[in-house]
Protein backbone atom coordinates (compact mmCIF):
# COMPACT_ATOMS: atom_id res chain seq x y z
CA UNK A 1 40.85 129.65 83.82
CA UNK A 2 37.79 130.81 82.13
CA UNK A 3 37.61 129.04 78.48
CA UNK A 4 36.62 131.68 75.85
CA UNK A 5 36.54 129.59 72.13
CA UNK A 6 34.38 130.08 69.25
CA UNK A 7 35.37 127.94 66.46
CA UNK A 8 32.27 126.15 64.48
CA UNK A 9 31.70 128.03 61.08
CA UNK A 10 28.16 129.23 60.72
CA UNK A 11 26.01 130.12 58.22
CA UNK A 12 22.46 131.85 59.72
CA UNK A 13 20.07 132.39 56.67
CA UNK A 14 17.00 131.15 54.82
CA UNK A 15 18.51 129.03 52.00
CA UNK A 16 21.71 127.64 54.10
CA UNK A 17 21.13 124.27 53.90
CA UNK A 18 21.86 124.25 50.04
CA UNK A 19 25.60 124.92 51.37
CA UNK A 20 26.04 120.95 52.58
CA UNK A 21 28.14 119.81 49.53
CA UNK A 22 29.85 122.60 49.56
CA UNK A 23 30.40 122.40 53.41
CA UNK A 24 31.55 118.74 52.88
CA UNK A 25 34.00 119.38 50.76
CA UNK A 26 35.93 122.58 52.73
CA UNK A 27 35.92 119.79 55.47
CA UNK A 28 37.24 117.11 53.79
CA UNK A 29 34.41 114.98 54.57
CA UNK A 30 33.82 112.49 51.17
CA UNK A 31 31.83 109.97 52.26
CA UNK A 32 29.25 111.56 55.00
CA UNK A 33 26.38 109.54 57.11
CA UNK A 34 23.38 111.54 57.93
CA UNK A 35 21.94 111.36 61.04
CA UNK A 36 18.25 112.20 61.63
CA UNK A 37 15.07 110.81 62.81
CA UNK A 38 11.73 109.51 61.39
CA UNK A 39 9.90 112.66 62.45
CA UNK A 40 12.34 115.26 60.36
CA UNK A 41 12.10 112.35 57.51
CA UNK A 42 8.37 112.13 57.88
CA UNK A 43 7.81 116.08 57.87
CA UNK A 44 9.72 115.94 54.27
CA UNK A 45 12.36 118.10 56.72
CA UNK A 46 15.12 115.29 55.81
CA UNK A 47 14.49 115.80 51.76
CA UNK A 48 14.79 119.90 51.61
CA UNK A 49 17.91 119.60 53.57
CA UNK A 50 19.46 117.15 51.70
CA UNK A 51 17.97 118.83 48.08
CA UNK A 52 21.21 120.06 46.98
CA UNK A 53 22.40 116.47 46.99
CA UNK A 54 20.09 115.72 43.74
CA UNK A 55 18.94 111.91 43.32
CA UNK A 56 22.06 111.25 44.77
CA UNK A 57 22.14 111.84 48.57
CA UNK A 58 24.31 110.40 51.53
CA UNK A 59 22.60 107.33 53.44
CA UNK A 60 20.82 107.79 56.24
CA UNK A 61 20.07 106.98 59.46
CA UNK A 62 16.70 107.97 60.89
CA UNK A 63 16.24 106.16 63.78
CA UNK A 64 17.19 108.38 66.43
CA UNK A 65 15.68 108.24 69.39
CA UNK A 66 13.68 111.45 71.39
CA UNK A 67 16.57 110.54 74.00
CA UNK A 68 19.55 109.53 72.59
CA UNK A 69 20.78 106.59 74.02
CA UNK A 70 24.30 103.88 73.24
CA UNK A 71 22.40 101.61 71.68
CA UNK A 72 21.34 103.71 68.99
CA UNK A 73 24.93 105.24 69.01
CA UNK A 74 25.94 101.46 68.18
CA UNK A 75 23.30 101.02 65.71
CA UNK A 76 24.78 104.08 63.94
CA UNK A 77 28.19 103.01 64.20
CA UNK A 78 27.22 99.75 62.06
CA UNK A 79 25.84 102.13 59.25
CA UNK A 80 28.90 104.41 59.48
CA UNK A 81 31.51 101.83 58.79
CA UNK A 82 28.78 99.57 56.20
CA UNK A 83 29.26 102.52 54.06
CA UNK A 84 33.00 103.46 54.53
CA UNK A 85 31.67 107.09 55.96
CA UNK A 86 34.53 109.65 57.04
CA UNK A 87 31.99 111.88 59.04
CA UNK A 88 28.30 113.02 59.65
CA UNK A 89 25.84 115.39 58.80
CA UNK A 90 23.18 115.99 61.80
CA UNK A 91 19.74 117.38 60.67
CA UNK A 92 17.02 117.50 63.47
CA UNK A 93 16.99 118.90 66.89
CA UNK A 94 19.19 118.33 69.76
CA UNK A 95 18.72 114.33 69.63
CA UNK A 96 20.13 113.56 66.37
CA UNK A 97 22.99 116.24 67.12
CA UNK A 98 24.04 114.31 69.98
CA UNK A 99 23.50 111.19 68.50
CA UNK A 100 25.83 112.26 65.84
CA UNK A 101 28.89 113.28 68.12
CA UNK A 102 28.52 110.26 69.84
CA UNK A 103 28.86 108.17 66.47
CA UNK A 104 31.69 110.53 65.77
CA UNK A 105 33.40 109.45 69.49
CA UNK A 106 31.99 105.48 69.19
CA UNK A 107 33.33 105.10 65.24
CA UNK A 108 36.73 106.33 66.08
CA UNK A 109 37.29 104.85 69.44
CA UNK A 110 37.81 101.71 71.05
CA UNK A 111 35.55 100.97 74.55
CA UNK A 112 32.57 101.58 76.17
CA UNK A 113 30.79 105.08 75.47
CA UNK A 114 30.22 105.93 79.06
CA UNK A 115 34.42 105.98 79.43
CA UNK A 116 34.41 109.45 77.41
CA UNK A 117 31.91 110.75 79.68
CA UNK A 118 32.79 114.47 81.03
CA UNK A 119 31.72 113.38 84.54
CA UNK A 120 34.08 109.95 84.12
CA UNK A 121 36.92 111.82 83.40
CA UNK A 122 36.93 110.80 79.89
CA UNK A 123 36.86 114.21 77.66
CA UNK A 124 40.60 114.10 77.21
CA UNK A 125 40.06 110.67 75.97
CA UNK A 126 38.31 112.25 73.18
CA UNK A 127 40.77 112.48 70.20
CA UNK A 128 41.72 114.75 67.23
CA UNK A 129 40.61 111.25 65.15
CA UNK A 130 37.15 111.94 66.20
CA UNK A 131 34.82 111.95 62.80
CA UNK A 132 33.85 115.48 62.03
CA UNK A 133 30.11 116.55 62.20
CA UNK A 134 28.02 119.29 60.36
CA UNK A 135 25.08 120.13 61.96
CA UNK A 136 21.77 121.35 60.28
CA UNK A 137 19.33 121.99 62.99
CA UNK A 138 15.74 121.91 62.12
CA UNK A 139 14.60 123.49 65.53
CA UNK A 140 15.25 126.33 67.51
CA UNK A 141 16.13 125.58 70.45
CA UNK A 142 19.00 123.20 71.22
CA UNK A 143 22.25 125.09 69.98
CA UNK A 144 24.01 122.14 69.40
CA UNK A 145 25.28 122.79 66.03
CA UNK A 146 27.56 125.09 67.78
CA UNK A 147 28.15 122.97 71.04
CA UNK A 148 31.21 121.02 72.23
CA UNK A 149 29.25 118.59 74.10
CA UNK A 150 26.30 115.96 73.91
CA UNK A 151 23.92 114.17 76.00
CA UNK A 152 23.02 110.35 75.85
CA UNK A 153 22.07 107.81 77.65
CA UNK A 154 24.78 104.74 78.03
CA UNK A 155 24.10 101.25 78.91
CA UNK A 156 23.70 101.39 82.84
CA UNK A 157 21.19 104.19 82.08
CA UNK A 158 22.47 107.12 83.70
CA UNK A 159 21.82 110.67 81.32
CA UNK A 160 25.69 111.97 80.58
CA UNK A 161 27.37 114.66 79.79
CA UNK A 162 30.39 114.41 76.78
CA UNK A 163 32.55 117.41 76.07
CA UNK A 164 35.41 118.23 74.05
CA UNK A 165 36.78 120.72 71.41
CA UNK A 166 36.94 118.12 68.83
CA UNK A 167 32.74 117.59 68.86
CA UNK A 168 31.88 121.03 67.90
CA UNK A 169 30.60 120.82 64.31
CA UNK A 170 33.07 122.22 62.06
CA UNK A 171 30.12 123.80 60.15
CA UNK A 172 26.49 124.99 61.52
CA UNK A 173 24.33 125.43 58.56
CA UNK A 174 21.29 127.93 60.61
CA UNK A 175 18.12 127.54 57.84
CA UNK A 176 15.08 129.11 59.35
CA UNK A 177 13.41 127.79 55.83
CA UNK A 178 13.37 124.23 57.62
CA UNK A 179 11.60 125.46 61.12
CA UNK A 180 8.26 126.99 59.33
CA UNK A 181 6.80 123.92 59.62
CA UNK A 182 7.51 123.36 63.24
CA UNK A 183 4.32 122.50 65.33
CA UNK A 184 3.09 125.45 67.40
CA UNK A 185 3.96 123.26 71.02
CA UNK A 186 7.37 122.17 69.55
CA UNK A 187 8.22 125.58 68.41
CA UNK A 188 6.82 126.93 72.32
CA UNK A 189 9.21 123.73 74.34
CA UNK A 190 12.08 124.03 71.96
CA UNK A 191 12.41 127.91 71.89
CA UNK A 192 11.98 128.24 75.45
CA UNK A 193 14.75 125.47 75.68
CA UNK A 194 16.82 128.45 73.94
CA UNK A 195 15.69 131.07 76.41
CA UNK A 196 16.71 129.31 79.53
CA UNK A 197 20.45 128.54 77.65
CA UNK A 198 20.66 132.46 77.51
CA UNK A 199 19.48 133.25 80.99
CA UNK A 200 20.98 129.79 82.45
CA UNK A 201 24.27 130.59 80.97
CA UNK A 202 24.26 134.47 82.02
CA UNK A 203 23.41 133.57 85.80
CA UNK A 204 26.57 131.29 85.95
CA UNK A 205 29.23 132.91 88.10
CA UNK A 206 32.01 131.73 85.80
CA UNK A 207 34.10 134.36 84.22
CA UNK A 208 33.49 134.57 80.05
CA UNK A 209 32.53 138.80 79.51
CA UNK A 210 32.08 137.33 75.67
CA UNK A 211 29.05 134.81 76.81
CA UNK A 212 27.26 136.82 78.76
CA UNK A 213 27.25 139.21 75.59
CA UNK A 214 26.21 136.73 73.12
CA UNK A 215 23.32 135.30 75.81
CA UNK A 216 22.03 138.64 77.12
CA UNK A 217 21.43 139.42 73.20
CA UNK A 218 20.09 136.17 72.45
CA UNK A 219 17.61 136.35 75.28
CA UNK A 220 16.26 139.48 73.76
CA UNK A 221 15.87 138.24 70.28
CA UNK A 222 14.51 135.23 71.52
CA UNK A 223 11.35 136.71 74.21
CA UNK A 224 10.29 139.39 71.74
CA UNK A 225 9.98 136.91 68.83
CA UNK A 226 8.71 133.42 70.26
CA UNK A 227 5.27 134.47 70.86
CA UNK A 228 5.16 135.39 66.97
CA UNK A 229 6.66 132.25 65.64
CA UNK A 230 4.57 130.14 67.93
CA UNK A 231 1.76 131.88 66.78
CA UNK A 232 2.25 132.28 63.24
CA UNK A 233 5.06 129.50 61.82
CA UNK A 234 5.12 131.12 58.60
CA UNK A 235 6.58 134.20 60.25
CA UNK A 236 10.05 134.53 58.41
CA UNK A 237 11.15 137.19 60.48
CA UNK A 238 10.30 135.28 63.73
CA UNK A 239 12.07 132.40 62.77
CA UNK A 240 15.14 133.98 61.54
CA UNK A 241 15.55 135.76 65.29
CA UNK A 242 14.55 132.19 66.91
CA UNK A 243 17.35 130.47 65.03
CA UNK A 244 19.55 133.14 65.85
CA UNK A 245 18.77 133.28 69.66
CA UNK A 246 18.70 129.22 69.92
CA UNK A 247 22.45 129.40 68.03
CA UNK A 248 23.66 132.36 70.55
CA UNK A 249 22.59 130.30 73.63
CA UNK A 250 24.71 127.26 72.32
CA UNK A 251 27.76 129.82 72.16
CA UNK A 252 26.98 131.32 75.34
CA UNK A 253 26.27 127.87 77.48
CA UNK A 254 30.10 126.85 76.91
CA UNK A 255 30.39 129.01 80.14
CA UNK A 256 28.62 126.84 81.96
CA UNK A 257 24.37 126.19 82.97
CA UNK A 258 23.09 125.26 86.26
CA UNK A 259 20.59 123.87 88.25
CA UNK A 260 17.54 124.13 85.47
CA UNK A 261 19.58 121.66 83.07
CA UNK A 262 20.82 119.33 86.54
CA UNK A 263 17.34 118.90 87.19
CA UNK A 264 16.11 118.50 83.24
CA UNK A 265 18.66 116.19 82.69
CA UNK A 266 17.96 113.98 85.74
CA UNK A 267 14.27 113.90 85.29
CA UNK A 268 15.12 112.75 81.74
CA UNK A 269 17.14 110.01 83.00
CA UNK A 270 14.24 108.70 85.46
CA UNK A 271 11.54 109.22 82.07
CA UNK A 272 13.03 109.11 78.56
CA UNK A 273 10.08 110.62 77.51
CA UNK A 274 10.06 113.95 78.91
CA UNK A 275 11.07 116.65 76.52
CA UNK A 276 14.19 118.89 77.69
CA UNK A 277 12.85 121.88 76.46
CA UNK A 278 9.47 121.51 77.91
CA UNK A 279 11.29 120.67 81.48
CA UNK A 280 13.49 123.81 81.06
CA UNK A 281 10.77 125.87 80.39
CA UNK A 282 9.13 124.61 84.25
CA UNK A 283 11.65 124.59 86.45
CA UNK A 284 13.31 128.11 85.34
CA UNK A 285 11.08 129.80 87.70
CA UNK A 286 12.11 128.45 90.74
CA UNK A 287 16.04 128.28 90.07
CA UNK A 288 15.66 132.20 89.13
CA UNK A 289 14.28 132.66 92.78
CA UNK A 290 16.90 130.38 94.23
CA UNK A 291 19.59 132.04 92.35
CA UNK A 292 18.66 135.68 93.19
CA UNK A 293 20.51 135.63 96.44
CA UNK A 294 23.71 134.52 95.14
CA UNK A 295 26.20 136.98 95.36
CA UNK A 296 27.82 137.35 91.86
CA UNK A 297 24.01 137.71 90.82
CA UNK A 298 23.41 140.95 93.16
CA UNK A 299 26.93 142.43 92.59
CA UNK A 300 26.63 142.46 88.43
CA UNK A 301 22.97 143.30 88.44
CA UNK A 302 21.97 140.17 87.05
CA UNK A 303 18.50 139.97 87.10
CA UNK A 304 18.00 143.71 86.25
CA UNK A 305 20.30 142.88 83.34
CA UNK A 306 18.16 140.16 81.91
CA UNK A 307 14.70 142.04 82.95
CA UNK A 308 16.27 144.92 80.56
CA UNK A 309 16.34 142.52 77.92
CA UNK A 310 13.18 140.92 77.67
CA UNK A 311 11.44 144.52 78.14
CA UNK A 312 10.34 144.11 82.27
CA UNK A 313 11.60 147.50 82.90
CA UNK A 314 12.24 146.55 86.23
CA UNK A 315 12.89 143.69 88.65
CA UNK A 316 12.90 143.13 92.55
CA UNK A 317 15.90 141.59 93.86
CA UNK A 318 14.67 138.33 94.72
CA UNK A 319 13.85 137.27 91.05
CA UNK A 320 10.15 137.16 91.73
CA UNK A 321 9.51 139.70 88.64
CA UNK A 322 11.49 137.01 86.47
CA UNK A 323 9.99 134.26 87.40
CA UNK A 324 6.54 135.59 87.04
CA UNK A 325 7.69 136.65 83.65
CA UNK A 326 8.58 133.16 82.54
CA UNK A 327 5.18 131.63 84.37
CA UNK A 328 3.31 134.01 82.51
CA UNK A 329 5.62 133.28 79.15
CA UNK A 330 5.07 129.61 79.43
CA UNK A 331 1.06 130.04 79.81
CA UNK A 332 0.65 131.99 76.88
CA UNK A 333 2.74 129.52 74.44
CA UNK A 334 0.50 126.97 75.95
CA UNK A 335 2.89 125.06 77.82
CA UNK A 336 1.92 122.70 80.64
CA UNK A 337 1.39 124.60 84.23
CA UNK A 338 3.92 122.38 86.24
CA UNK A 339 5.59 118.96 86.17
CA UNK A 340 2.82 117.03 87.09
CA UNK A 341 1.15 117.54 84.16
CA UNK A 342 4.23 115.49 82.37
CA UNK A 343 3.44 112.39 84.73
CA UNK A 344 6.21 113.85 87.05
CA UNK A 345 5.46 112.62 90.82
CA UNK A 346 6.76 113.41 94.32
CA UNK A 347 8.08 109.34 94.00
CA UNK A 348 10.58 110.11 91.27
CA UNK A 349 12.14 113.22 93.33
CA UNK A 350 14.82 111.22 95.30
CA UNK A 351 16.56 109.61 91.86
CA UNK A 352 15.95 112.91 90.43
CA UNK A 353 17.99 114.80 93.24
CA UNK A 354 20.48 111.46 93.14
CA UNK A 355 21.14 112.68 89.47
CA UNK A 356 21.15 116.29 89.39
CA UNK A 357 23.65 116.08 92.42
CA UNK A 358 25.78 114.45 90.18
CA UNK A 359 25.16 116.16 86.72
CA UNK A 360 28.21 117.99 85.19
CA UNK A 361 25.94 121.31 84.97
CA UNK A 362 25.62 121.20 88.91
CA UNK A 363 28.81 122.79 89.91
CA UNK A 364 28.50 125.93 87.74
CA UNK A 365 24.99 127.07 89.23
CA UNK A 366 25.68 130.74 91.40
CA UNK A 367 24.57 128.98 94.24
CA UNK A 368 25.89 125.17 95.32
CA UNK A 369 22.21 123.42 95.65
CA UNK A 370 22.19 120.77 98.44
CA UNK A 371 19.53 117.69 98.18
CA UNK A 372 17.16 120.21 100.01
CA UNK A 373 17.37 122.27 97.71
CA UNK A 374 16.93 120.52 94.98
CA UNK A 375 13.47 119.03 96.37
CA UNK A 376 12.32 122.12 97.38
CA UNK A 377 12.61 123.46 93.54
CA UNK A 378 11.15 120.28 92.19
CA UNK A 379 8.20 120.93 94.87
CA UNK A 380 7.52 124.58 93.70
CA UNK A 381 7.87 123.48 90.02
CA UNK A 382 5.06 120.20 90.58
């Protein structure tokens, strides 16, 4: 049975971060631990996000790695327990949000983190004891502020997904003000992440009509404003629209993602230094072409409906129009032309494909990909 559930209370407005103390009070969080990273702190964004606390902000763990891992979760749990915390505030992009969700599990449940991973059958073990999370995104890409999942590299080296309604943030304070200083390259990569969420969700054959509508509207907003936000970071309208696109992508992808994310998760397991949004941007054209012949894509005119949302006016049944539009967008944004520019080489492919076949996003793609299909997608994205 399809899951259709939207629970996070969202504030989407300039200045929303000022609501943090009252949102903590609303959810009963008296002693929060802030999860962030060194880049957010160095850019001064962390200080701005916590300004409403004046001279007595809550304790901060700011050592989140670019791809969160179990070791960082354990270090943050030590801080959580040291300060007798009762909840978490994630301030940053997808990495701090994922780490906060990992801490929310590990601080309240015994055992290794992998025991709670979706692919290990652990979702039902994530109980109501899970620490509450409030999310304050500082990029417009991940959508993690309204998502019930997190990605964390566990001790055995696998990058695993953790999914539960208990992990869904109790509040999302989407303040575009916090994204105004985001550099162009990061604006572009995170923005393409949000667009990939909207497109891949819409392509999924799973049944969730509200998610389809949210994804198409998010795609329309993101596609028409990402270049503006990248060219001029102070464009407040573009920043607001991209924040909305990101949030909508996160709402929509409860429907399921697909091969783009199976591959990007697996690539980041092989090389943790790879940026998730950049990977999604580069993989999306190949996956669009692969998905185009899926019966659900053809029967429901999904290619054409995405093309209309992107203002393309037409789309061929093989998906070339959409794929070429994404490639052209990547080029205009100054993103790499292919995976090789990121240091990916064919020698990594077998390990990546093995990871993709085991990923939780693999089965929600509209066409079930084989090992050979994945190898072809990687080769065409190189």
